[in-house]
Amino acid sequence: MDGDNKTFLSDFTLTGLFTHSKASGFLFSIICAIFFMTMIANGVMIFLIHIDPHLHTPMYFLLSHLSFIDMMYISTIVPKMLVDYLMGKRTISFISCTAQYFLYMGFVGAEFFLLGLMAYDRYVAICNPLRYPVLMNHRTCWMILASSWFGGALDSFLLTPITMSLPFCASHKIDHFFCEAPTMLRLACGDKATYEMVMYICCVIMLLIPFSVVISSYAQILITVHQMKSEEGKKKAFATCSSHIMVVTLFYGAALYTYMLPQSYHTPTKDKVFSAFYTILTPLLNPLIYSLRNTDVTGALKRVLARWRGLHCVTREEF
């Protein structure tokens, strides 16, 4: 009991990404720029999808929620890391660590499911285009969102109590830049069998099942595209799917290493690199990939800018 109270009351120390070397200020500037660019890029994406009628389709409806999730889960990690660097602080309380862990697992879990279910949208659009309005109706879109958020919430409510109830008697130094599951597990002592079993089940549900949906959906898409006689139709189908494939590859690849690879293959340096990739870089890459490779989004941006310039000119003429 005394050990549990000590664990609950004690603070953790995060080693972080920043060291006392000369490069830490440069790294801080890069991460700070990435964070603000991520918030702006995803915010613009949500704004364009909301304001432009051409983007009022199921795919962009789901994409707007993907951007929202990206904004939320990068905000659970990066702001504290940046503020701690400026204040010269590296500690995080047990309660703050628990809250960060809970929010992070919920948002990332929701993104795992959403990316997997978005493959179904691409499957219907290419393999059953005539039935697309029926199969991907408003109700289906909300069911996909509800399923994604439910999966993320289930992941948080299952793993957080088990993880944070483990006795951290070995050390309170977290060799990471946030409270992530594999790192927290290395700090814990005692019987970890229950936690490892639940973690394995959650990883199967969170990663392998959505990834299986992606694989099966794109297998059907490839078969359908191969049977197309029109070269233009093939190019359009690949252009439609390429953005989603790139995002899925980046996000699932790093996550599979973090959560599915045995602990013996992990090192603190590798964990930091892979975690930084899918928690800091991927939220920025998602809107860039979908916008730069998508004429619909770039067209919507041009229309909004043209409309803004038109209103600005009218206002100046009135004065």
Protein backbone atom coordinates (compact mmCIF):
# COMPACT_ATOMS: atom_id res chain seq x y z
CA MET A 1 0.00 0.00 0.00
CA ASP A 2 2.81 2.41 0.86
CA GLY A 3 4.47 1.62 -2.47
CA ASP A 4 1.24 2.32 -4.34
CA ASN A 5 0.80 5.66 -2.55
CA LYS A 6 4.39 6.57 -3.34
CA THR A 7 3.82 5.74 -7.01
CA PHE A 8 0.66 7.83 -7.12
CA LEU A 9 2.22 10.86 -5.42
CA SER A 10 5.58 10.81 -7.17
CA ASP A 11 6.38 12.74 -10.33
CA PHE A 12 7.90 11.19 -13.43
CA THR A 13 10.91 12.66 -15.23
CA LEU A 14 10.75 12.82 -19.04
CA THR A 15 14.13 12.75 -20.78
CA GLY A 16 12.45 14.29 -23.85
CA LEU A 17 13.82 14.95 -27.32
CA PHE A 18 15.83 18.01 -26.29
CA THR A 19 19.27 17.64 -24.76
CA HIS A 20 21.66 20.29 -23.51
CA SER A 21 23.57 20.23 -26.78
CA LYS A 22 23.76 23.16 -29.20
CA ALA A 23 21.30 21.44 -31.55
CA SER A 24 18.46 21.43 -29.00
CA GLY A 25 17.42 25.00 -29.83
CA PHE A 26 17.32 24.17 -33.55
CA LEU A 27 15.28 21.01 -32.86
CA PHE A 28 12.91 23.02 -30.67
CA SER A 29 12.37 25.50 -33.52
CA ILE A 30 11.64 22.71 -36.00
CA ILE A 31 9.12 20.96 -33.73
CA CYS A 32 7.48 24.27 -32.87
CA ALA A 33 7.14 25.09 -36.59
CA ILE A 34 5.76 21.61 -37.32
CA PHE A 35 3.17 21.95 -34.57
CA PHE A 36 1.84 25.31 -35.78
CA MET A 37 1.91 24.19 -39.42
CA THR A 38 -0.03 21.06 -38.42
CA MET A 39 -2.71 23.07 -36.65
CA ILE A 40 -3.00 25.52 -39.56
CA ALA A 41 -2.97 22.87 -42.32
CA ASN A 42 -5.59 20.67 -40.62
CA GLY A 43 -7.66 23.73 -39.67
CA VAL A 44 -7.65 24.92 -43.29
CA MET A 45 -8.62 21.43 -44.45
CA ILE A 46 -11.61 21.36 -42.07
CA PHE A 47 -12.60 24.91 -43.11
CA LEU A 48 -12.46 24.10 -46.86
CA ILE A 49 -14.47 20.91 -46.46
CA HIS A 50 -17.08 22.76 -44.40
CA ILE A 51 -17.40 25.82 -46.66
CA ASP A 52 -17.05 24.39 -50.19
CA PRO A 53 -20.13 22.51 -51.56
CA HIS A 54 -17.93 20.49 -53.95
CA LEU A 55 -16.33 18.81 -50.93
CA HIS A 56 -19.61 17.84 -49.26
CA THR A 57 -19.09 14.14 -49.98
CA PRO A 58 -18.64 11.13 -47.67
CA MET A 59 -14.87 10.92 -48.32
CA TYR A 60 -14.25 14.53 -47.34
CA PHE A 61 -16.66 14.32 -44.43
CA LEU A 62 -14.50 11.51 -43.01
CA LEU A 63 -11.33 13.37 -43.94
CA SER A 64 -12.43 16.44 -41.96
CA HIS A 65 -12.78 14.27 -38.86
CA LEU A 66 -9.36 12.72 -39.54
CA SER A 67 -7.91 16.25 -39.51
CA PHE A 68 -9.71 16.98 -36.25
CA ILE A 69 -8.25 13.85 -34.62
CA ASP A 70 -4.77 14.80 -35.84
CA MET A 71 -5.12 18.23 -34.24
CA MET A 72 -6.29 16.72 -30.97
CA TYR A 73 -3.66 14.04 -30.47
CA ILE A 74 -0.67 16.18 -31.42
CA SER A 75 -2.01 18.72 -28.88
CA THR A 76 -1.81 16.14 -26.09
CA ILE A 77 1.96 15.79 -26.54
CA VAL A 78 3.78 18.65 -28.26
CA PRO A 79 2.60 21.78 -26.32
CA LYS A 80 3.77 20.37 -22.98
CA MET A 81 7.08 19.31 -24.52
CA LEU A 82 7.66 22.83 -25.92
CA VAL A 83 6.62 24.61 -22.69
CA ASP A 84 8.81 22.30 -20.58
CA TYR A 85 11.82 23.14 -22.76
CA LEU A 86 11.24 26.88 -22.38
CA MET A 87 10.80 26.57 -18.60
CA GLY A 88 13.71 24.17 -18.17
CA LYS A 89 11.36 21.59 -16.66
CA ARG A 90 11.24 17.84 -17.32
CA THR A 91 8.82 16.49 -14.73
CA ILE A 92 5.24 15.34 -15.21
CA SER A 93 2.92 14.42 -12.34
CA PHE A 94 1.32 11.00 -12.07
CA ILE A 95 -2.14 12.50 -12.75
CA SER A 96 -0.92 14.48 -15.78
CA CYS A 97 0.85 11.40 -17.14
CA THR A 98 -2.35 9.37 -16.72
CA ALA A 99 -4.43 12.06 -18.46
CA GLN A 100 -1.94 12.30 -21.33
CA TYR A 101 -1.87 8.53 -21.71
CA PHE A 102 -5.68 8.32 -21.68
CA LEU A 103 -6.22 11.08 -24.25
CA TYR A 104 -3.40 9.93 -26.49
CA MET A 105 -4.61 6.30 -26.61
CA GLY A 106 -8.17 7.47 -27.31
CA PHE A 107 -7.28 9.78 -30.20
CA VAL A 108 -4.74 7.43 -31.79
CA GLY A 109 -7.11 4.47 -31.41
CA ALA A 110 -9.88 6.47 -33.13
CA GLU A 111 -7.49 7.29 -36.00
CA PHE A 112 -6.53 3.63 -36.42
CA PHE A 113 -10.17 2.66 -36.88
CA LEU A 114 -11.06 5.66 -39.02
CA LEU A 115 -8.20 5.08 -41.47
CA GLY A 116 -9.21 1.44 -41.76
CA LEU A 117 -12.88 2.21 -42.36
CA MET A 118 -12.01 4.95 -44.88
CA ALA A 119 -10.69 2.15 -47.11
CA TYR A 120 -14.27 0.86 -47.32
CA ASP A 121 -15.31 4.23 -48.76
CA ARG A 122 -12.69 3.90 -51.50
CA TYR A 123 -13.77 0.31 -52.16
CA VAL A 124 -17.40 1.32 -52.67
CA ALA A 125 -16.45 4.34 -54.82
CA ILE A 126 -14.40 2.23 -57.26
CA CYS A 127 -15.97 -1.23 -57.12
CA ASN A 128 -19.63 -0.18 -56.72
CA PRO A 129 -19.84 3.39 -58.05
CA LEU A 130 -23.52 3.17 -58.99
CA ARG A 131 -24.46 2.13 -55.44
CA TYR A 132 -22.11 4.64 -53.77
CA PRO A 133 -24.85 7.15 -52.76
CA VAL A 134 -26.83 4.30 -51.17
CA LEU A 135 -24.00 2.42 -49.46
CA MET A 136 -22.16 5.55 -48.26
CA ASN A 137 -25.16 7.57 -47.12
CA HIS A 138 -25.25 10.02 -44.22
CA ARG A 139 -26.16 7.30 -41.73
CA THR A 140 -23.24 5.08 -42.81
CA CYS A 141 -20.77 7.97 -42.42
CA TRP A 142 -21.95 8.65 -38.87
CA MET A 143 -21.77 4.92 -38.07
CA ILE A 144 -18.14 4.88 -39.26
CA LEU A 145 -17.34 7.88 -37.05
CA ALA A 146 -19.17 6.42 -34.06
CA SER A 147 -17.34 3.10 -34.48
CA SER A 148 -13.98 4.88 -34.66
CA TRP A 149 -14.58 6.95 -31.53
CA PHE A 150 -15.99 3.94 -29.69
CA GLY A 151 -12.89 1.90 -30.55
CA GLY A 152 -10.60 4.69 -29.35
CA ALA A 153 -12.55 5.17 -26.13
CA LEU A 154 -12.57 1.42 -25.46
CA ASP A 155 -8.81 1.34 -25.93
CA SER A 156 -8.32 4.20 -23.44
CA PHE A 157 -10.67 2.82 -20.80
CA LEU A 158 -9.13 -0.65 -21.01
CA LEU A 159 -5.42 0.17 -21.08
CA THR A 160 -5.16 3.29 -18.92
CA PRO A 161 -6.36 1.76 -15.59
CA ILE A 162 -4.23 -1.35 -16.09
CA THR A 163 -1.08 0.56 -17.10
CA MET A 164 -1.24 3.26 -14.46
CA SER A 165 -2.11 0.81 -11.66
CA LEU A 166 1.19 -1.04 -12.16
CA PRO A 167 3.78 -0.38 -9.45
CA PHE A 168 6.57 1.81 -10.85
CA CYS A 169 9.16 0.81 -8.30
CA ALA A 170 12.16 0.43 -10.60
CA SER A 171 12.51 4.03 -11.72
CA HIS A 172 10.47 7.18 -12.33
CA LYS A 173 12.62 8.31 -15.24
CA ILE A 174 10.73 7.96 -18.54
CA ASP A 175 13.25 7.67 -21.38
CA HIS A 176 10.80 9.26 -23.83
CA PHE A 177 9.13 12.58 -24.60
CA PHE A 178 5.64 11.51 -23.43
CA CYS A 179 3.89 8.78 -21.47
CA GLU A 180 3.67 6.02 -24.09
CA ALA A 181 2.61 2.44 -23.37
CA PRO A 182 5.81 0.44 -24.13
CA THR A 183 7.95 2.92 -22.18
CA MET A 184 5.64 2.88 -19.17
CA LEU A 185 5.71 -0.92 -19.22
CA ARG A 186 9.50 -0.94 -18.97
CA LEU A 187 9.31 1.18 -15.80
CA ALA A 188 6.84 -1.16 -14.10
CA CYS A 189 7.78 -4.05 -11.87
CA GLY A 190 5.81 -7.02 -10.63
CA ASP A 191 3.43 -9.21 -12.63
CA LYS A 192 2.84 -7.74 -16.10
CA ALA A 193 1.11 -10.78 -17.61
CA THR A 194 -2.42 -9.32 -17.40
CA TYR A 195 -1.30 -6.04 -18.93
CA GLU A 196 0.60 -7.74 -21.75
CA MET A 197 -2.42 -9.93 -22.59
CA VAL A 198 -4.81 -6.96 -22.67
CA MET A 199 -2.29 -4.93 -24.68
CA TYR A 200 -1.96 -7.75 -27.20
CA ILE A 201 -5.75 -8.04 -27.59
CA CYS A 202 -6.09 -4.27 -27.99
CA CYS A 203 -3.33 -4.21 -30.58
CA VAL A 204 -5.04 -6.95 -32.57
CA ILE A 205 -8.32 -5.03 -32.45
CA MET A 206 -6.77 -1.59 -33.06
CA LEU A 207 -4.19 -2.48 -35.69
CA LEU A 208 -4.67 -5.85 -37.31
CA ILE A 209 -8.44 -5.69 -37.82
CA PRO A 210 -8.46 -2.19 -39.43
CA PHE A 211 -5.33 -3.14 -41.39
CA SER A 212 -7.11 -6.29 -42.62
CA VAL A 213 -10.01 -4.10 -43.80
CA VAL A 214 -7.51 -1.94 -45.71
CA ILE A 215 -5.80 -4.96 -47.30
CA SER A 216 -9.06 -6.67 -48.32
CA SER A 217 -10.55 -3.42 -49.66
CA TYR A 218 -7.53 -2.60 -51.78
CA ALA A 219 -7.25 -6.18 -53.00
CA GLN A 220 -10.77 -5.84 -54.42
CA ILE A 221 -9.91 -2.40 -55.80
CA LEU A 222 -6.82 -3.76 -57.60
CA ILE A 223 -8.88 -6.54 -59.16
CA THR A 224 -11.51 -4.04 -60.32
CA VAL A 225 -8.91 -1.61 -61.70
CA HIS A 226 -7.11 -4.43 -63.52
CA GLN A 227 -10.38 -5.31 -65.27
CA MET A 228 -10.96 -1.73 -66.43
CA LYS A 229 -10.47 -1.17 -70.16
CA SER A 230 -10.11 2.60 -69.95
CA GLU A 231 -6.60 3.87 -69.17
CA GLU A 232 -8.09 7.14 -67.96
CA GLY A 233 -10.34 5.22 -65.56
CA LYS A 234 -7.33 3.35 -64.17
CA LYS A 235 -5.38 6.57 -63.62
CA LYS A 236 -8.36 8.19 -61.89
CA ALA A 237 -8.82 5.15 -59.61
CA PHE A 238 -5.14 5.12 -58.60
CA ALA A 239 -5.17 8.89 -58.04
CA THR A 240 -8.22 8.50 -55.79
CA CYS A 241 -6.59 5.81 -53.65
CA SER A 242 -2.93 6.86 -53.62
CA SER A 243 -3.34 9.54 -50.93
CA HIS A 244 -5.08 7.15 -48.53
CA ILE A 245 -2.51 4.41 -49.19
CA MET A 246 0.36 6.77 -48.38
CA VAL A 247 -1.24 7.93 -45.12
CA VAL A 248 -2.07 4.37 -44.04
CA THR A 249 1.47 3.16 -44.81
CA LEU A 250 3.10 5.96 -42.83
CA PHE A 251 0.80 5.72 -39.81
CA TYR A 252 0.35 1.96 -39.53
CA GLY A 253 4.02 1.22 -40.30
CA ALA A 254 5.30 3.21 -37.32
CA ALA A 255 2.48 2.02 -35.06
CA LEU A 256 3.05 -1.65 -35.89
CA TYR A 257 6.68 -1.28 -34.80
CA THR A 258 5.70 0.45 -31.55
CA TYR A 259 2.90 -1.84 -30.42
CA MET A 260 3.31 -5.21 -32.16
CA LEU A 261 7.07 -5.78 -32.12
CA PRO A 262 8.35 -7.68 -29.03
CA GLN A 263 10.00 -5.57 -26.31
CA SER A 264 13.38 -7.22 -26.99
CA TYR A 265 13.54 -5.39 -30.35
CA HIS A 266 12.88 -1.97 -28.79
CA THR A 267 15.47 0.59 -27.75
CA PRO A 268 14.76 4.04 -26.27
CA THR A 269 16.28 5.79 -29.31
CA LYS A 270 14.26 3.77 -31.81
CA ASP A 271 11.09 4.29 -29.78
CA LYS A 272 11.60 8.07 -29.79
CA VAL A 273 12.24 8.16 -33.55
CA PHE A 274 9.20 6.06 -34.50
CA SER A 275 6.96 7.81 -31.97
CA ALA A 276 8.06 11.24 -33.21
CA PHE A 277 7.31 10.12 -36.75
CA TYR A 278 3.69 9.13 -36.22
CA THR A 279 2.81 11.56 -33.40
CA ILE A 280 4.52 14.72 -34.71
CA LEU A 281 5.21 14.32 -38.44
CA THR A 282 2.19 12.28 -39.60
CA PRO A 283 -0.45 14.84 -38.44
CA LEU A 284 1.33 17.39 -40.68
CA LEU A 285 1.81 15.02 -43.61
CA ASN A 286 -1.86 13.92 -43.69
CA PRO A 287 -3.36 17.25 -44.87
CA LEU A 288 -0.37 17.91 -47.16
CA ILE A 289 -0.72 14.52 -48.87
CA TYR A 290 -4.47 14.89 -49.29
CA SER A 291 -4.25 18.48 -50.55
CA LEU A 292 -1.18 18.37 -52.81
CA ARG A 293 -2.30 15.16 -54.52
CA ASN A 294 -5.97 16.11 -54.75
CA THR A 295 -7.33 18.52 -57.35
CA ASP A 296 -10.64 18.84 -55.47
CA VAL A 297 -8.94 20.32 -52.39
CA THR A 298 -6.61 22.60 -54.35
CA GLY A 299 -9.59 23.72 -56.46
CA ALA A 300 -11.60 24.51 -53.32
CA LEU A 301 -8.68 26.54 -51.95
CA LYS A 302 -8.44 28.53 -55.18
CA ARG A 303 -12.19 29.22 -55.15
CA VAL A 304 -12.07 30.43 -51.54
CA LEU A 305 -9.07 32.69 -52.26
CA ALA A 306 -10.76 34.06 -55.41
CA ARG A 307 -13.93 34.74 -53.42
CA TRP A 308 -11.94 36.48 -50.68
CA ARG A 309 -10.06 38.62 -53.22
CA GLY A 310 -13.38 39.53 -54.87
CA LEU A 311 -14.89 40.62 -51.56
CA HIS A 312 -11.72 42.58 -50.74
CA CYS A 313 -11.89 44.45 -54.07
CA VAL A 314 -15.60 45.25 -53.60
CA THR A 315 -14.90 46.59 -50.10
CA ARG A 316 -12.10 48.82 -51.40
CA GLU A 317 -14.33 50.17 -54.21
CA GLU A 318 -17.06 51.07 -51.70
CA PHE A 319 -14.57 53.16 -49.73
